[in-house]
Amino acid sequence: MSERWLPDADATDALGQALARTRPANAVVHLHGDLGAGKSTLARALLRALGVQGAIRSPTYTLVERYPLNDGGEAWHLDLYRIADAGELEFLGLDGAEVRLWLVEWPERGAGQLPRPDLTVELAMRGTGRVARLVAGSEAGRSWVERATAAHGVAADS
């Protein structure tokens, strides 16, 4: 597990860039945090660092936004805040064959219907900034956290 203090939007962008530079070829990221904790901001920074051009919309109302990646495949950004039951995901057509990166906000609402996370990012407001805790959920995730730590000086506490 690694923890990072994010005092402002630039620090959140820098974390997104570090995660983009060091990501595995295929990855699932679960983003946890209260409303306003910065989940969409971090997802947007990561997607922008992966070369996504144009508008990067929050999937708050559409539930899923799909973005082509420069190195092939797609990134899917999901926001499950508005679903009442994990079974509703069936209607979204989340086949996932071409997905190289899943970014899932409010993943607990899709429990049992989503791929297991390689990385969980827990965001929390603290004072005037945020704290981001990176928790590996797989061997690929452990390597990713190590690479991101080395690439951007994310403080490790275990």
C-alpha atoms as a PDB file:
ATOM      1  CA  MET A   1       0.000   0.000   0.000  1.00  0.00           C
ATOM      2  CA  SER A   2       1.177   3.509  -0.755  1.00  0.00           C
ATOM      3  CA  GLU A   3      -0.185   6.844   0.297  1.00  0.00           C
ATOM      4  CA  ARG A   4       0.124  10.217  -1.402  1.00  0.00           C
ATOM      5  CA  TRP A   5      -0.779  13.701  -0.195  1.00  0.00           C
ATOM      6  CA  LEU A   6      -2.509  15.676  -2.942  1.00  0.00           C
ATOM      7  CA  PRO A   7      -2.573  19.330  -1.875  1.00  0.00           C
ATOM      8  CA  ASP A   8      -4.090  20.594  -5.144  1.00  0.00           C
ATOM      9  CA  ALA A   9      -5.302  19.734  -8.655  1.00  0.00           C
ATOM     10  CA  ASP A  10      -1.729  19.728 -10.006  1.00  0.00           C
ATOM     11  CA  ALA A  11      -0.765  16.989  -7.544  1.00  0.00           C
ATOM     12  CA  THR A  12      -3.798  14.940  -8.588  1.00  0.00           C
ATOM     13  CA  ASP A  13      -2.784  15.370 -12.245  1.00  0.00           C
ATOM     14  CA  ALA A  14       0.767  14.294 -11.400  1.00  0.00           C
ATOM     15  CA  LEU A  15      -0.508  11.130  -9.711  1.00  0.00           C
ATOM     16  CA  GLY A  16      -2.682  10.374 -12.757  1.00  0.00           C
ATOM     17  CA  GLN A  17       0.352  10.848 -14.993  1.00  0.00           C
ATOM     18  CA  ALA A  18       2.500   8.540 -12.846  1.00  0.00           C
ATOM     19  CA  LEU A  19      -0.207   5.857 -12.934  1.00  0.00           C
ATOM     20  CA  ALA A  20      -0.565   6.232 -16.718  1.00  0.00           C
ATOM     21  CA  ARG A  21       3.197   5.977 -17.334  1.00  0.00           C
ATOM     22  CA  THR A  22       3.525   2.838 -15.240  1.00  0.00           C
ATOM     23  CA  ARG A  23       0.247   1.005 -15.905  1.00  0.00           C
ATOM     24  CA  PRO A  24       0.178  -2.630 -16.936  1.00  0.00           C
ATOM     25  CA  ALA A  25      -1.157  -3.547 -20.391  1.00  0.00           C
ATOM     26  CA  ASN A  26      -4.533  -4.507 -18.873  1.00  0.00           C
ATOM     27  CA  ALA A  27      -5.787  -3.157 -15.573  1.00  0.00           C
ATOM     28  CA  VAL A  28      -8.868  -2.686 -13.446  1.00  0.00           C
ATOM     29  CA  VAL A  29      -8.920   0.291 -11.080  1.00  0.00           C
ATOM     30  CA  HIS A  30     -11.577   0.759  -8.412  1.00  0.00           C
ATOM     31  CA  LEU A  31     -11.920   4.354  -7.225  1.00  0.00           C
ATOM     32  CA  HIS A  32     -13.347   4.839  -3.728  1.00  0.00           C
ATOM     33  CA  GLY A  33     -14.183   8.052  -1.919  1.00  0.00           C
ATOM     34  CA  ASP A  34     -17.002  10.304  -0.862  1.00  0.00           C
ATOM     35  CA  LEU A  35     -18.696  12.691  -3.280  1.00  0.00           C
ATOM     36  CA  GLY A  36     -16.174  15.371  -4.210  1.00  0.00           C
ATOM     37  CA  ALA A  37     -13.145  13.339  -3.106  1.00  0.00           C
ATOM     38  CA  GLY A  38     -11.552  13.538  -6.567  1.00  0.00           C
ATOM     39  CA  LYS A  39     -12.370  10.198  -8.222  1.00  0.00           C
ATOM     40  CA  SER A  40     -13.388  11.748 -11.559  1.00  0.00           C
ATOM     41  CA  THR A  41     -10.529  14.242 -11.399  1.00  0.00           C
ATOM     42  CA  LEU A  42      -7.982  11.447 -11.002  1.00  0.00           C
ATOM     43  CA  ALA A  43      -9.620   9.346 -13.735  1.00  0.00           C
ATOM     44  CA  ARG A  44      -9.581  12.350 -16.090  1.00  0.00           C
ATOM     45  CA  ALA A  45      -5.881  13.013 -15.350  1.00  0.00           C
ATOM     46  CA  LEU A  46      -4.992   9.371 -16.003  1.00  0.00           C
ATOM     47  CA  LEU A  47      -6.959   9.285 -19.283  1.00  0.00           C
ATOM     48  CA  ARG A  48      -5.456  12.578 -20.448  1.00  0.00           C
ATOM     49  CA  ALA A  49      -1.943  11.237 -19.685  1.00  0.00           C
ATOM     50  CA  LEU A  50      -2.767   8.165 -21.810  1.00  0.00           C
ATOM     51  CA  GLY A  51      -3.369  10.462 -24.763  1.00  0.00           C
ATOM     52  CA  VAL A  52      -7.152  10.721 -24.754  1.00  0.00           C
ATOM     53  CA  GLN A  53      -8.015  13.829 -26.762  1.00  0.00           C
ATOM     54  CA  GLY A  54     -11.125  15.987 -26.599  1.00  0.00           C
ATOM     55  CA  ALA A  55     -13.699  16.095 -23.850  1.00  0.00           C
ATOM     56  CA  ILE A  56     -13.376  13.585 -21.038  1.00  0.00           C
ATOM     57  CA  ARG A  57     -16.871  13.524 -19.605  1.00  0.00           C
ATOM     58  CA  SER A  58     -17.881  12.327 -16.192  1.00  0.00           C
ATOM     59  CA  PRO A  59     -20.049   9.210 -16.556  1.00  0.00           C
ATOM     60  CA  THR A  60     -22.356  10.355 -13.744  1.00  0.00           C
ATOM     61  CA  TYR A  61     -25.464  10.193 -15.954  1.00  0.00           C
ATOM     62  CA  THR A  62     -24.328   7.942 -18.808  1.00  0.00           C
ATOM     63  CA  LEU A  63     -22.832   5.412 -16.321  1.00  0.00           C
ATOM     64  CA  VAL A  64     -20.045   4.507 -18.759  1.00  0.00           C
ATOM     65  CA  GLU A  65     -17.805   6.521 -21.082  1.00  0.00           C
ATOM     66  CA  ARG A  66     -15.514   4.735 -23.537  1.00  0.00           C
ATOM     67  CA  TYR A  67     -12.220   6.132 -24.823  1.00  0.00           C
ATOM     68  CA  PRO A  68      -9.896   4.701 -27.492  1.00  0.00           C
ATOM     69  CA  LEU A  69      -6.311   4.285 -26.327  1.00  0.00           C
ATOM     70  CA  ASN A  70      -3.307   5.140 -28.491  1.00  0.00           C
ATOM     71  CA  ASP A  71      -1.751   1.724 -27.812  1.00  0.00           C
ATOM     72  CA  GLY A  72      -4.929  -0.156 -28.791  1.00  0.00           C
ATOM     73  CA  GLY A  73      -8.110  -1.155 -27.063  1.00  0.00           C
ATOM     74  CA  GLU A  74     -10.276   1.066 -24.941  1.00  0.00           C
ATOM     75  CA  ALA A  75     -10.443   2.610 -21.507  1.00  0.00           C
ATOM     76  CA  TRP A  76     -13.836   2.497 -19.831  1.00  0.00           C
ATOM     77  CA  HIS A  77     -14.719   4.990 -17.123  1.00  0.00           C
ATOM     78  CA  LEU A  78     -17.746   3.891 -15.097  1.00  0.00           C
ATOM     79  CA  ASP A  79     -19.642   5.767 -12.393  1.00  0.00           C
ATOM     80  CA  LEU A  80     -22.018   3.412 -10.611  1.00  0.00           C
ATOM     81  CA  TYR A  81     -23.353   5.911  -8.068  1.00  0.00           C
ATOM     82  CA  ARG A  82     -26.804   5.975  -9.684  1.00  0.00           C
ATOM     83  CA  ILE A  83     -27.415   2.236  -9.939  1.00  0.00           C
ATOM     84  CA  ALA A  84     -29.582   0.601  -7.317  1.00  0.00           C
ATOM     85  CA  ASP A  85     -28.547  -3.011  -7.883  1.00  0.00           C
ATOM     86  CA  ALA A  86     -25.478  -4.706  -9.385  1.00  0.00           C
ATOM     87  CA  GLY A  87     -27.820  -6.578 -11.761  1.00  0.00           C
ATOM     88  CA  GLU A  88     -28.421  -3.298 -13.608  1.00  0.00           C
ATOM     89  CA  LEU A  89     -24.912  -3.593 -15.075  1.00  0.00           C
ATOM     90  CA  GLU A  90     -26.234  -6.351 -17.341  1.00  0.00           C
ATOM     91  CA  PHE A  91     -28.115  -3.684 -19.329  1.00  0.00           C
ATOM     92  CA  LEU A  92     -24.957  -1.675 -19.999  1.00  0.00           C
ATOM     93  CA  GLY A  93     -23.464  -4.317 -22.290  1.00  0.00           C
ATOM     94  CA  LEU A  94     -20.137  -4.429 -20.494  1.00  0.00           C
ATOM     95  CA  ASP A  95     -18.584  -7.200 -22.589  1.00  0.00           C
ATOM     96  CA  GLY A  96     -15.095  -5.945 -21.845  1.00  0.00           C
ATOM     97  CA  ALA A  97     -13.189  -7.861 -24.535  1.00  0.00           C
ATOM     98  CA  GLU A  98     -11.557  -4.700 -25.913  1.00  0.00           C
ATOM     99  CA  VAL A  99     -11.082  -3.002 -22.539  1.00  0.00           C
ATOM    100  CA  ARG A 100      -7.476  -2.433 -21.555  1.00  0.00           C
ATOM    101  CA  LEU A 101      -8.253  -0.139 -18.617  1.00  0.00           C
ATOM    102  CA  TRP A 102     -11.306  -0.087 -16.348  1.00  0.00           C
ATOM    103  CA  LEU A 103     -11.750   2.978 -14.105  1.00  0.00           C
ATOM    104  CA  VAL A 104     -14.709   2.291 -11.830  1.00  0.00           C
ATOM    105  CA  GLU A 105     -16.177   4.832  -9.425  1.00  0.00           C
ATOM    106  CA  TRP A 106     -18.479   3.468  -6.694  1.00  0.00           C
ATOM    107  CA  PRO A 107     -17.479  -0.142  -7.493  1.00  0.00           C
ATOM    108  CA  GLU A 108     -19.220  -1.463  -4.372  1.00  0.00           C
ATOM    109  CA  ARG A 109     -22.528  -0.853  -6.180  1.00  0.00           C
ATOM    110  CA  GLY A 110     -21.480  -3.335  -8.873  1.00  0.00           C
ATOM    111  CA  ALA A 111     -20.191  -6.008  -6.490  1.00  0.00           C
ATOM    112  CA  GLY A 112     -20.101  -9.441  -8.071  1.00  0.00           C
ATOM    113  CA  GLN A 113     -20.564  -8.050 -11.592  1.00  0.00           C
ATOM    114  CA  LEU A 114     -17.221  -6.293 -12.088  1.00  0.00           C
ATOM    115  CA  PRO A 115     -13.736  -7.603 -12.726  1.00  0.00           C
ATOM    116  CA  ARG A 116     -11.541  -7.870  -9.639  1.00  0.00           C
ATOM    117  CA  PRO A 117      -9.380  -4.763  -9.159  1.00  0.00           C
ATOM    118  CA  ASP A 118      -5.677  -4.743  -9.806  1.00  0.00           C
ATOM    119  CA  LEU A 119      -5.539  -1.414  -8.013  1.00  0.00           C
ATOM    120  CA  THR A 120      -7.875   0.282  -5.577  1.00  0.00           C
ATOM    121  CA  VAL A 121      -7.447   4.016  -5.078  1.00  0.00           C
ATOM    122  CA  GLU A 122      -9.017   5.338  -1.892  1.00  0.00           C
ATOM    123  CA  LEU A 123      -9.408   9.109  -1.933  1.00  0.00           C
ATOM    124  CA  ALA A 124     -10.289  11.171   1.124  1.00  0.00           C
ATOM    125  CA  MET A 125     -10.507  14.874   1.796  1.00  0.00           C
ATOM    126  CA  ARG A 126      -8.043  16.053   4.416  1.00  0.00           C
ATOM    127  CA  GLY A 127      -7.842  19.727   5.285  1.00  0.00           C
ATOM    128  CA  THR A 128      -7.455  21.722   2.082  1.00  0.00           C
ATOM    129  CA  GLY A 129      -6.297  18.736   0.017  1.00  0.00           C
ATOM    130  CA  ARG A 130      -6.750  15.001  -0.409  1.00  0.00           C
ATOM    131  CA  VAL A 131      -5.030  11.799   0.509  1.00  0.00           C
ATOM    132  CA  ALA A 132      -4.798   9.029  -2.090  1.00  0.00           C
ATOM    133  CA  ARG A 133      -4.127   5.532  -0.838  1.00  0.00           C
ATOM    134  CA  LEU A 134      -3.060   2.990  -3.489  1.00  0.00           C
ATOM    135  CA  VAL A 135      -3.906  -0.599  -2.584  1.00  0.00           C
ATOM    136  CA  ALA A 136      -2.826  -3.484  -4.829  1.00  0.00           C
ATOM    137  CA  GLY A 137      -5.384  -6.186  -5.497  1.00  0.00           C
ATOM    138  CA  SER A 138      -3.280  -8.474  -7.688  1.00  0.00           C
ATOM    139  CA  GLU A 139       0.330  -9.206  -8.559  1.00  0.00           C
ATOM    140  CA  ALA A 140       0.033  -6.815 -11.523  1.00  0.00           C
ATOM    141  CA  GLY A 141      -1.323  -4.223  -9.091  1.00  0.00           C
ATOM    142  CA  ARG A 142       1.572  -4.730  -6.666  1.00  0.00           C
ATOM    143  CA  SER A 143       4.065  -4.150  -9.471  1.00  0.00           C
ATOM    144  CA  TRP A 144       2.087  -1.129 -10.633  1.00  0.00           C
ATOM    145  CA  VAL A 145       2.123   0.453  -7.174  1.00  0.00           C
ATOM    146  CA  GLU A 146       5.883  -0.150  -6.944  1.00  0.00           C
ATOM    147  CA  ARG A 147       6.499   1.424 -10.375  1.00  0.00           C
ATOM    148  CA  ALA A 148       4.251   4.387  -9.602  1.00  0.00           C
ATOM    149  CA  THR A 149       5.992   4.840  -6.250  1.00  0.00           C
ATOM    150  CA  ALA A 150       9.399   4.868  -7.928  1.00  0.00           C
ATOM    151  CA  ALA A 151       8.192   7.103 -10.774  1.00  0.00           C
ATOM    152  CA  HIS A 152       6.574   9.723  -8.638  1.00  0.00           C
ATOM    153  CA  GLY A 153       7.798   9.368  -5.076  1.00  0.00           C
ATOM    154  CA  VAL A 154       4.521   8.107  -3.665  1.00  0.00           C
ATOM    155  CA  ALA A 155       5.231   7.515   0.026  1.00  0.00           C
ATOM    156  CA  ALA A 156       4.919   3.856   0.925  1.00  0.00           C
ATOM    157  CA  ASP A 157       3.710   2.979   4.377  1.00  0.00           C
ATOM    158  CA  SER A 158       3.805  -0.798   4.108  1.00  0.00           C
END
